[in-house]
């Protein structure tokens, strides 16, 4: 049996994840939740093209200075869907923003000798945040697993990134439908850990969500639903054209 000497099996998940992360729009080199909330509202039909244009005008934004802002101009089109979907998917692939559910505490504790600002958890906002995070993580699992299964063989890493971005863009409307389908009001959560390098909670429908220095992991019934190179408990590998043709020549 002949083995292609330039091909190596590489886990699909980190390539898919990093590609989707890189596809999320940035503004002046950084993420901007406010801008993306407006764009996603436009995609969902919650804002009109005129309202998006007014947002740019009110914030004195010149679309010619930043390619990402061109997404705010005109009627709904596929690249807007792709940008919004990538942004939503990326929200669980980066450190969580605790400001989503923390608020200044009304009263300071007696042992706060340094008079530092203290915060308390707003339970209603916490439930909304965790419900959203779980829905996004589950939609990521579904669409990332599908992409991993249908990718062609023996591409270079960069060619895989191009194909992943293309496929995710095509699936963007389906991805956003999956997020909505997984958004279940009435779930209860148990927040187990909340600090800079670890954020862990469980849900009443059986999931364990964890974000730490290794990134996102999601478990269900002891199975790696997302993370450690697995999706839905299965490992997905890509046969990657990893070396130059020179390697094949040297190994003849």
C-alpha atoms as a PDB file:
ATOM      1  CA  UNK A   1       0.000   0.000   0.000  1.00  0.00           C
ATOM      2  CA  UNK A   2       1.389   3.388  -1.018  1.00  0.00           C
ATOM      3  CA  UNK A   3       1.243   6.153   1.580  1.00  0.00           C
ATOM      4  CA  UNK A   4       1.429   9.798   0.538  1.00  0.00           C
ATOM      5  CA  UNK A   5       4.547  10.989   2.319  1.00  0.00           C
ATOM      6  CA  UNK A   6       3.495  14.627   2.280  1.00  0.00           C
ATOM      7  CA  UNK A   7       0.147  13.990   4.052  1.00  0.00           C
ATOM      8  CA  UNK A   8      -0.451  14.044   7.816  1.00  0.00           C
ATOM      9  CA  UNK A   9      -3.723  13.503   9.740  1.00  0.00           C
ATOM     10  CA  UNK A  10      -4.554  16.714  11.630  1.00  0.00           C
ATOM     11  CA  UNK A  11      -7.504  17.196  14.037  1.00  0.00           C
ATOM     12  CA  UNK A  12     -10.236  19.111  12.231  1.00  0.00           C
ATOM     13  CA  UNK A  13     -11.678  20.980  15.220  1.00  0.00           C
ATOM     14  CA  UNK A  14      -8.851  23.482  15.875  1.00  0.00           C
ATOM     15  CA  UNK A  15      -8.654  24.357  12.177  1.00  0.00           C
ATOM     16  CA  UNK A  16     -12.413  24.881  11.938  1.00  0.00           C
ATOM     17  CA  UNK A  17     -12.549  26.811  15.196  1.00  0.00           C
ATOM     18  CA  UNK A  18      -9.662  29.143  14.385  1.00  0.00           C
ATOM     19  CA  UNK A  19     -11.048  29.780  10.892  1.00  0.00           C
ATOM     20  CA  UNK A  20     -14.469  30.779  12.217  1.00  0.00           C
ATOM     21  CA  UNK A  21     -12.847  32.955  14.879  1.00  0.00           C
ATOM     22  CA  UNK A  22     -10.815  34.726  12.203  1.00  0.00           C
ATOM     23  CA  UNK A  23     -13.984  35.228  10.135  1.00  0.00           C
ATOM     24  CA  UNK A  24     -15.664  37.325  12.832  1.00  0.00           C
ATOM     25  CA  UNK A  25     -15.437  41.003  11.826  1.00  0.00           C
ATOM     26  CA  UNK A  26     -13.095  43.336  13.655  1.00  0.00           C
ATOM     27  CA  UNK A  27     -13.148  47.120  13.674  1.00  0.00           C
ATOM     28  CA  UNK A  28      -9.871  49.031  13.855  1.00  0.00           C
ATOM     29  CA  UNK A  29      -8.226  45.735  14.731  1.00  0.00           C
ATOM     30  CA  UNK A  30     -10.545  44.701  17.560  1.00  0.00           C
ATOM     31  CA  UNK A  31     -13.930  43.181  18.336  1.00  0.00           C
ATOM     32  CA  UNK A  32     -16.844  45.518  18.946  1.00  0.00           C
ATOM     33  CA  UNK A  33     -19.991  44.003  20.424  1.00  0.00           C
ATOM     34  CA  UNK A  34     -22.048  47.154  19.880  1.00  0.00           C
ATOM     35  CA  UNK A  35     -21.357  47.281  16.146  1.00  0.00           C
ATOM     36  CA  UNK A  36     -22.004  43.564  15.725  1.00  0.00           C
ATOM     37  CA  UNK A  37     -25.263  43.710  17.685  1.00  0.00           C
ATOM     38  CA  UNK A  38     -26.511  46.258  15.141  1.00  0.00           C
ATOM     39  CA  UNK A  39     -25.343  44.172  12.189  1.00  0.00           C
ATOM     40  CA  UNK A  40     -26.938  41.003  13.579  1.00  0.00           C
ATOM     41  CA  UNK A  41     -30.168  42.903  14.254  1.00  0.00           C
ATOM     42  CA  UNK A  42     -30.110  43.936  10.582  1.00  0.00           C
ATOM     43  CA  UNK A  43     -29.597  40.293   9.555  1.00  0.00           C
ATOM     44  CA  UNK A  44     -32.451  39.100  11.779  1.00  0.00           C
ATOM     45  CA  UNK A  45     -34.787  41.751  10.416  1.00  0.00           C
ATOM     46  CA  UNK A  46     -34.957  43.585  13.734  1.00  0.00           C
ATOM     47  CA  UNK A  47     -33.435  46.715  12.160  1.00  0.00           C
ATOM     48  CA  UNK A  48     -33.928  48.185   8.715  1.00  0.00           C
ATOM     49  CA  UNK A  49     -31.161  49.217   6.346  1.00  0.00           C
ATOM     50  CA  UNK A  50     -32.133  52.824   7.087  1.00  0.00           C
ATOM     51  CA  UNK A  51     -31.714  52.295  10.831  1.00  0.00           C
ATOM     52  CA  UNK A  52     -28.288  50.726  10.269  1.00  0.00           C
ATOM     53  CA  UNK A  53     -27.298  53.709   8.124  1.00  0.00           C
ATOM     54  CA  UNK A  54     -28.490  56.072  10.859  1.00  0.00           C
ATOM     55  CA  UNK A  55     -26.368  54.156  13.393  1.00  0.00           C
ATOM     56  CA  UNK A  56     -23.277  54.776  11.268  1.00  0.00           C
ATOM     57  CA  UNK A  57     -24.210  58.446  10.893  1.00  0.00           C
ATOM     58  CA  UNK A  58     -24.878  58.957  14.605  1.00  0.00           C
ATOM     59  CA  UNK A  59     -21.507  57.414  15.468  1.00  0.00           C
ATOM     60  CA  UNK A  60     -19.691  59.400  12.745  1.00  0.00           C
ATOM     61  CA  UNK A  61     -18.491  56.221  11.015  1.00  0.00           C
ATOM     62  CA  UNK A  62     -17.098  56.454   7.497  1.00  0.00           C
ATOM     63  CA  UNK A  63     -17.616  53.099   5.786  1.00  0.00           C
ATOM     64  CA  UNK A  64     -14.795  53.819   3.355  1.00  0.00           C
ATOM     65  CA  UNK A  65     -12.220  53.690   6.177  1.00  0.00           C
ATOM     66  CA  UNK A  66     -13.006  50.165   7.355  1.00  0.00           C
ATOM     67  CA  UNK A  67     -14.083  47.290   5.132  1.00  0.00           C
ATOM     68  CA  UNK A  68     -16.109  45.735   7.959  1.00  0.00           C
ATOM     69  CA  UNK A  69     -18.447  48.726   8.045  1.00  0.00           C
ATOM     70  CA  UNK A  70     -19.436  48.157   4.411  1.00  0.00           C
ATOM     71  CA  UNK A  71     -21.469  45.222   5.785  1.00  0.00           C
ATOM     72  CA  UNK A  72     -23.852  47.757   7.340  1.00  0.00           C
ATOM     73  CA  UNK A  73     -24.752  49.300   3.991  1.00  0.00           C
ATOM     74  CA  UNK A  74     -27.454  47.966   1.675  1.00  0.00           C
ATOM     75  CA  UNK A  75     -30.022  45.216   1.888  1.00  0.00           C
ATOM     76  CA  UNK A  76     -29.443  41.827   3.494  1.00  0.00           C
ATOM     77  CA  UNK A  77     -26.938  39.678   1.599  1.00  0.00           C
ATOM     78  CA  UNK A  78     -24.972  36.450   2.248  1.00  0.00           C
ATOM     79  CA  UNK A  79     -21.787  38.105   3.493  1.00  0.00           C
ATOM     80  CA  UNK A  80     -23.786  39.846   6.229  1.00  0.00           C
ATOM     81  CA  UNK A  81     -25.221  36.513   7.338  1.00  0.00           C
ATOM     82  CA  UNK A  82     -21.734  34.960   7.341  1.00  0.00           C
ATOM     83  CA  UNK A  83     -20.272  37.820   9.387  1.00  0.00           C
ATOM     84  CA  UNK A  84     -23.058  37.696  11.971  1.00  0.00           C
ATOM     85  CA  UNK A  85     -22.891  33.906  12.258  1.00  0.00           C
ATOM     86  CA  UNK A  86     -19.098  33.966  12.721  1.00  0.00           C
ATOM     87  CA  UNK A  87     -19.419  36.654  15.396  1.00  0.00           C
ATOM     88  CA  UNK A  88     -22.074  34.679  17.283  1.00  0.00           C
ATOM     89  CA  UNK A  89     -20.059  31.449  17.042  1.00  0.00           C
ATOM     90  CA  UNK A  90     -16.951  33.223  18.314  1.00  0.00           C
ATOM     91  CA  UNK A  91     -18.636  34.475  21.496  1.00  0.00           C
ATOM     92  CA  UNK A  92     -18.123  31.110  23.229  1.00  0.00           C
ATOM     93  CA  UNK A  93     -14.627  30.619  21.800  1.00  0.00           C
ATOM     94  CA  UNK A  94     -13.108  33.589  23.656  1.00  0.00           C
ATOM     95  CA  UNK A  95     -12.937  34.390  27.395  1.00  0.00           C
ATOM     96  CA  UNK A  96     -16.425  35.224  28.734  1.00  0.00           C
ATOM     97  CA  UNK A  97     -17.454  38.771  29.521  1.00  0.00           C
ATOM     98  CA  UNK A  98     -18.655  38.705  33.119  1.00  0.00           C
ATOM     99  CA  UNK A  99     -20.032  42.207  32.652  1.00  0.00           C
ATOM    100  CA  UNK A 100     -23.014  40.558  30.964  1.00  0.00           C
ATOM    101  CA  UNK A 101     -24.423  39.625  34.360  1.00  0.00           C
ATOM    102  CA  UNK A 102     -22.389  41.381  37.053  1.00  0.00           C
ATOM    103  CA  UNK A 103     -23.462  44.701  38.522  1.00  0.00           C
ATOM    104  CA  UNK A 104     -22.076  46.936  41.277  1.00  0.00           C
ATOM    105  CA  UNK A 105     -23.098  45.625  44.699  1.00  0.00           C
ATOM    106  CA  UNK A 106     -25.487  47.797  46.643  1.00  0.00           C
ATOM    107  CA  UNK A 107     -23.654  47.206  49.931  1.00  0.00           C
ATOM    108  CA  UNK A 108     -19.998  46.464  50.557  1.00  0.00           C
ATOM    109  CA  UNK A 109     -19.005  43.524  52.710  1.00  0.00           C
ATOM    110  CA  UNK A 110     -17.539  44.137  56.151  1.00  0.00           C
ATOM    111  CA  UNK A 111     -14.204  42.532  55.261  1.00  0.00           C
ATOM    112  CA  UNK A 112     -13.622  44.910  52.324  1.00  0.00           C
ATOM    113  CA  UNK A 113     -10.885  46.875  54.066  1.00  0.00           C
ATOM    114  CA  UNK A 114      -9.433  48.324  50.838  1.00  0.00           C
ATOM    115  CA  UNK A 115     -12.772  49.839  49.798  1.00  0.00           C
ATOM    116  CA  UNK A 116     -12.624  48.021  46.467  1.00  0.00           C
ATOM    117  CA  UNK A 117     -15.591  47.991  44.111  1.00  0.00           C
ATOM    118  CA  UNK A 118     -17.656  44.883  44.716  1.00  0.00           C
ATOM    119  CA  UNK A 119     -20.037  43.205  42.321  1.00  0.00           C
ATOM    120  CA  UNK A 120     -23.070  40.976  42.633  1.00  0.00           C
ATOM    121  CA  UNK A 121     -24.709  38.642  40.148  1.00  0.00           C
ATOM    122  CA  UNK A 122     -27.903  39.771  38.475  1.00  0.00           C
ATOM    123  CA  UNK A 123     -29.708  36.415  38.347  1.00  0.00           C
ATOM    124  CA  UNK A 124     -32.028  37.325  35.483  1.00  0.00           C
ATOM    125  CA  UNK A 125     -29.145  38.502  33.301  1.00  0.00           C
ATOM    126  CA  UNK A 126     -27.071  35.471  34.331  1.00  0.00           C
ATOM    127  CA  UNK A 127     -29.792  33.064  33.185  1.00  0.00           C
ATOM    128  CA  UNK A 128     -30.129  34.925  29.885  1.00  0.00           C
ATOM    129  CA  UNK A 129     -26.350  34.888  29.370  1.00  0.00           C
ATOM    130  CA  UNK A 130     -25.936  31.196  30.154  1.00  0.00           C
ATOM    131  CA  UNK A 131     -28.957  30.223  28.053  1.00  0.00           C
ATOM    132  CA  UNK A 132     -27.386  32.066  25.125  1.00  0.00           C
ATOM    133  CA  UNK A 133     -23.923  30.589  25.668  1.00  0.00           C
ATOM    134  CA  UNK A 134     -25.282  27.051  25.745  1.00  0.00           C
ATOM    135  CA  UNK A 135     -27.388  27.611  22.608  1.00  0.00           C
ATOM    136  CA  UNK A 136     -24.394  29.028  20.727  1.00  0.00           C
ATOM    137  CA  UNK A 137     -22.099  26.212  21.855  1.00  0.00           C
ATOM    138  CA  UNK A 138     -24.614  23.573  20.704  1.00  0.00           C
ATOM    139  CA  UNK A 139     -25.065  25.260  17.320  1.00  0.00           C
ATOM    140  CA  UNK A 140     -21.268  25.308  16.970  1.00  0.00           C
ATOM    141  CA  UNK A 141     -21.166  21.566  17.617  1.00  0.00           C
ATOM    142  CA  UNK A 142     -23.769  20.834  14.944  1.00  0.00           C
ATOM    143  CA  UNK A 143     -22.346  22.977  12.168  1.00  0.00           C
ATOM    144  CA  UNK A 144     -18.673  22.316  12.933  1.00  0.00           C
ATOM    145  CA  UNK A 145     -19.343  18.551  12.936  1.00  0.00           C
ATOM    146  CA  UNK A 146     -21.116  18.799   9.585  1.00  0.00           C
ATOM    147  CA  UNK A 147     -18.257  20.814   8.087  1.00  0.00           C
ATOM    148  CA  UNK A 148     -15.681  18.357   9.443  1.00  0.00           C
ATOM    149  CA  UNK A 149     -17.546  15.470   7.802  1.00  0.00           C
ATOM    150  CA  UNK A 150     -17.902  17.013   4.321  1.00  0.00           C
ATOM    151  CA  UNK A 151     -14.465  18.577   3.889  1.00  0.00           C
ATOM    152  CA  UNK A 152     -12.477  17.121   0.970  1.00  0.00           C
ATOM    153  CA  UNK A 153      -9.225  15.194   1.396  1.00  0.00           C
ATOM    154  CA  UNK A 154      -5.585  16.206   0.929  1.00  0.00           C
ATOM    155  CA  UNK A 155      -5.807  19.998   0.937  1.00  0.00           C
ATOM    156  CA  UNK A 156      -3.173  22.275   2.438  1.00  0.00           C
ATOM    157  CA  UNK A 157      -3.977  23.939   5.765  1.00  0.00           C
ATOM    158  CA  UNK A 158      -4.619  27.271   4.028  1.00  0.00           C
ATOM    159  CA  UNK A 159      -6.843  25.613   1.431  1.00  0.00           C
ATOM    160  CA  UNK A 160      -8.801  23.986   4.256  1.00  0.00           C
ATOM    161  CA  UNK A 161      -9.245  27.376   5.904  1.00  0.00           C
ATOM    162  CA  UNK A 162     -10.584  28.813   2.664  1.00  0.00           C
ATOM    163  CA  UNK A 163     -13.000  25.901   2.228  1.00  0.00           C
ATOM    164  CA  UNK A 164     -14.134  26.040   5.870  1.00  0.00           C
ATOM    165  CA  UNK A 165     -14.852  29.765   5.606  1.00  0.00           C
ATOM    166  CA  UNK A 166     -16.813  29.138   2.393  1.00  0.00           C
ATOM    167  CA  UNK A 167     -18.859  26.314   3.889  1.00  0.00           C
ATOM    168  CA  UNK A 168     -19.563  28.204   7.112  1.00  0.00           C
ATOM    169  CA  UNK A 169     -20.719  31.178   5.050  1.00  0.00           C
ATOM    170  CA  UNK A 170     -23.088  28.957   3.066  1.00  0.00           C
ATOM    171  CA  UNK A 171     -24.430  27.435   6.295  1.00  0.00           C
ATOM    172  CA  UNK A 172     -24.759  30.771   8.125  1.00  0.00           C
ATOM    173  CA  UNK A 173     -28.592  30.940   7.870  1.00  0.00           C
ATOM    174  CA  UNK A 174     -28.847  27.337   9.118  1.00  0.00           C
ATOM    175  CA  UNK A 175     -26.383  28.090  11.906  1.00  0.00           C
ATOM    176  CA  UNK A 176     -28.459  31.006  13.168  1.00  0.00           C
ATOM    177  CA  UNK A 177     -31.604  28.875  13.004  1.00  0.00           C
ATOM    178  CA  UNK A 178     -29.845  26.267  15.170  1.00  0.00           C
ATOM    179  CA  UNK A 179     -28.964  28.917  17.765  1.00  0.00           C
ATOM    180  CA  UNK A 180     -32.618  29.911  17.979  1.00  0.00           C
ATOM    181  CA  UNK A 181     -33.723  26.272  18.156  1.00  0.00           C
ATOM    182  CA  UNK A 182     -31.394  25.621  21.104  1.00  0.00           C
ATOM    183  CA  UNK A 183     -32.413  28.767  22.987  1.00  0.00           C
ATOM    184  CA  UNK A 184     -34.709  27.309  25.642  1.00  0.00           C
ATOM    185  CA  UNK A 185     -36.209  29.681  28.196  1.00  0.00           C
ATOM    186  CA  UNK A 186     -36.815  28.042  31.546  1.00  0.00           C
ATOM    187  CA  UNK A 187     -33.535  26.150  31.822  1.00  0.00           C
ATOM    188  CA  UNK A 188     -31.847  26.338  35.213  1.00  0.00           C
ATOM    189  CA  UNK A 189     -28.109  26.582  35.728  1.00  0.00           C
ATOM    190  CA  UNK A 190     -25.564  25.942  38.426  1.00  0.00           C
ATOM    191  CA  UNK A 191     -22.578  28.294  38.173  1.00  0.00           C
ATOM    192  CA  UNK A 192     -19.632  26.259  39.466  1.00  0.00           C
ATOM    193  CA  UNK A 193     -16.630  28.470  38.693  1.00  0.00           C
ATOM    194  CA  UNK A 194     -16.184  32.076  37.648  1.00  0.00           C
ATOM    195  CA  UNK A 195     -12.721  33.544  37.478  1.00  0.00           C
ATOM    196  CA  UNK A 196     -10.338  34.876  34.840  1.00  0.00           C
ATOM    197  CA  UNK A 197      -9.004  31.500  33.723  1.00  0.00           C
ATOM    198  CA  UNK A 198     -12.047  29.292  34.262  1.00  0.00           C
ATOM    199  CA  UNK A 199     -15.781  29.598  33.749  1.00  0.00           C
ATOM    200  CA  UNK A 200     -17.899  26.506  34.386  1.00  0.00           C
ATOM    201  CA  UNK A 201     -21.631  25.883  34.675  1.00  0.00           C
ATOM    202  CA  UNK A 202     -24.078  23.001  34.379  1.00  0.00           C
ATOM    203  CA  UNK A 203     -27.538  23.133  32.848  1.00  0.00           C
ATOM    204  CA  UNK A 204     -30.746  21.383  33.829  1.00  0.00           C
ATOM    205  CA  UNK A 205     -30.746  19.562  30.468  1.00  0.00           C
ATOM    206  CA  UNK A 206     -27.497  17.798  31.323  1.00  0.00           C
ATOM    207  CA  UNK A 207     -24.668  19.819  29.793  1.00  0.00           C
ATOM    208  CA  UNK A 208     -21.404  20.854  31.468  1.00  0.00           C
ATOM    209  CA  UNK A 209     -20.020  24.016  29.861  1.00  0.00           C
ATOM    210  CA  UNK A 210     -16.415  24.925  30.629  1.00  0.00           C
ATOM    211  CA  UNK A 211     -14.100  27.621  29.337  1.00  0.00           C
ATOM    212  CA  UNK A 212     -10.487  27.689  30.543  1.00  0.00           C
ATOM    213  CA  UNK A 213      -6.971  28.186  29.160  1.00  0.00           C
ATOM    214  CA  UNK A 214      -7.610  25.266  26.791  1.00  0.00           C
ATOM    215  CA  UNK A 215     -10.662  26.958  25.328  1.00  0.00           C
ATOM    216  CA  UNK A 216     -14.251  25.732  25.209  1.00  0.00           C
ATOM    217  CA  UNK A 217     -15.343  22.265  26.240  1.00  0.00           C
ATOM    218  CA  UNK A 218     -18.889  20.948  26.430  1.00  0.00           C
ATOM    219  CA  UNK A 219     -19.804  17.599  27.943  1.00  0.00           C
ATOM    220  CA  UNK A 220     -23.035  15.614  27.945  1.00  0.00           C
ATOM    221  CA  UNK A 221     -23.402  12.412  29.940  1.00  0.00           C
ATOM    222  CA  UNK A 222     -19.636  12.175  30.309  1.00  0.00           C
ATOM    223  CA  UNK A 223     -19.106  12.478  26.534  1.00  0.00           C
ATOM    224  CA  UNK A 224     -16.982  15.207  24.957  1.00  0.00           C
ATOM    225  CA  UNK A 225     -19.676  16.977  22.961  1.00  0.00           C
ATOM    226  CA  UNK A 226     -17.161  19.689  22.055  1.00  0.00           C
ATOM    227  CA  UNK A 227     -13.473  19.945  22.853  1.00  0.00           C
ATOM    228  CA  UNK A 228     -10.310  17.849  23.147  1.00  0.00           C
ATOM    229  CA  UNK A 229     -10.446  17.426  19.378  1.00  0.00           C
ATOM    230  CA  UNK A 230     -13.910  15.859  19.495  1.00  0.00           C
ATOM    231  CA  UNK A 231     -17.366  16.790  18.238  1.00  0.00           C
ATOM    232  CA  UNK A 232     -20.369  14.792  19.443  1.00  0.00           C
ATOM    233  CA  UNK A 233     -17.986  12.329  21.058  1.00  0.00           C
ATOM    234  CA  UNK A 234     -16.120  11.600  17.830  1.00  0.00           C
ATOM    235  CA  UNK A 235     -12.684  12.583  16.606  1.00  0.00           C
ATOM    236  CA  UNK A 236     -12.555  14.171  13.167  1.00  0.00           C
ATOM    237  CA  UNK A 237      -9.253  14.229  11.310  1.00  0.00           C
ATOM    238  CA  UNK A 238      -8.256  15.874   8.048  1.00  0.00           C
ATOM    239  CA  UNK A 239      -5.639  14.306   5.793  1.00  0.00           C
ATOM    240  CA  UNK A 240      -3.642  17.463   5.216  1.00  0.00           C
ATOM    241  CA  UNK A 241      -1.170  18.078   2.408  1.00  0.00           C
ATOM    242  CA  UNK A 242       1.324  19.216   5.021  1.00  0.00           C
ATOM    243  CA  UNK A 243       4.750  19.129   3.356  1.00  0.00           C
ATOM    244  CA  UNK A 244       6.167  20.405   0.094  1.00  0.00           C
ATOM    245  CA  UNK A 245       6.763  17.981  -2.810  1.00  0.00           C
ATOM    246  CA  UNK A 246      10.450  18.040  -1.830  1.00  0.00           C
ATOM    247  CA  UNK A 247       9.649  15.698   1.100  1.00  0.00           C
ATOM    248  CA  UNK A 248       8.211  13.066  -1.240  1.00  0.00           C
ATOM    249  CA  UNK A 249      11.335  13.295  -3.373  1.00  0.00           C
ATOM    250  CA  UNK A 250      13.638  12.882  -0.376  1.00  0.00           C
ATOM    251  CA  UNK A 251      11.761   9.812   0.835  1.00  0.00           C
ATOM    252  CA  UNK A 252      11.753   7.931  -2.463  1.00  0.00           C
END
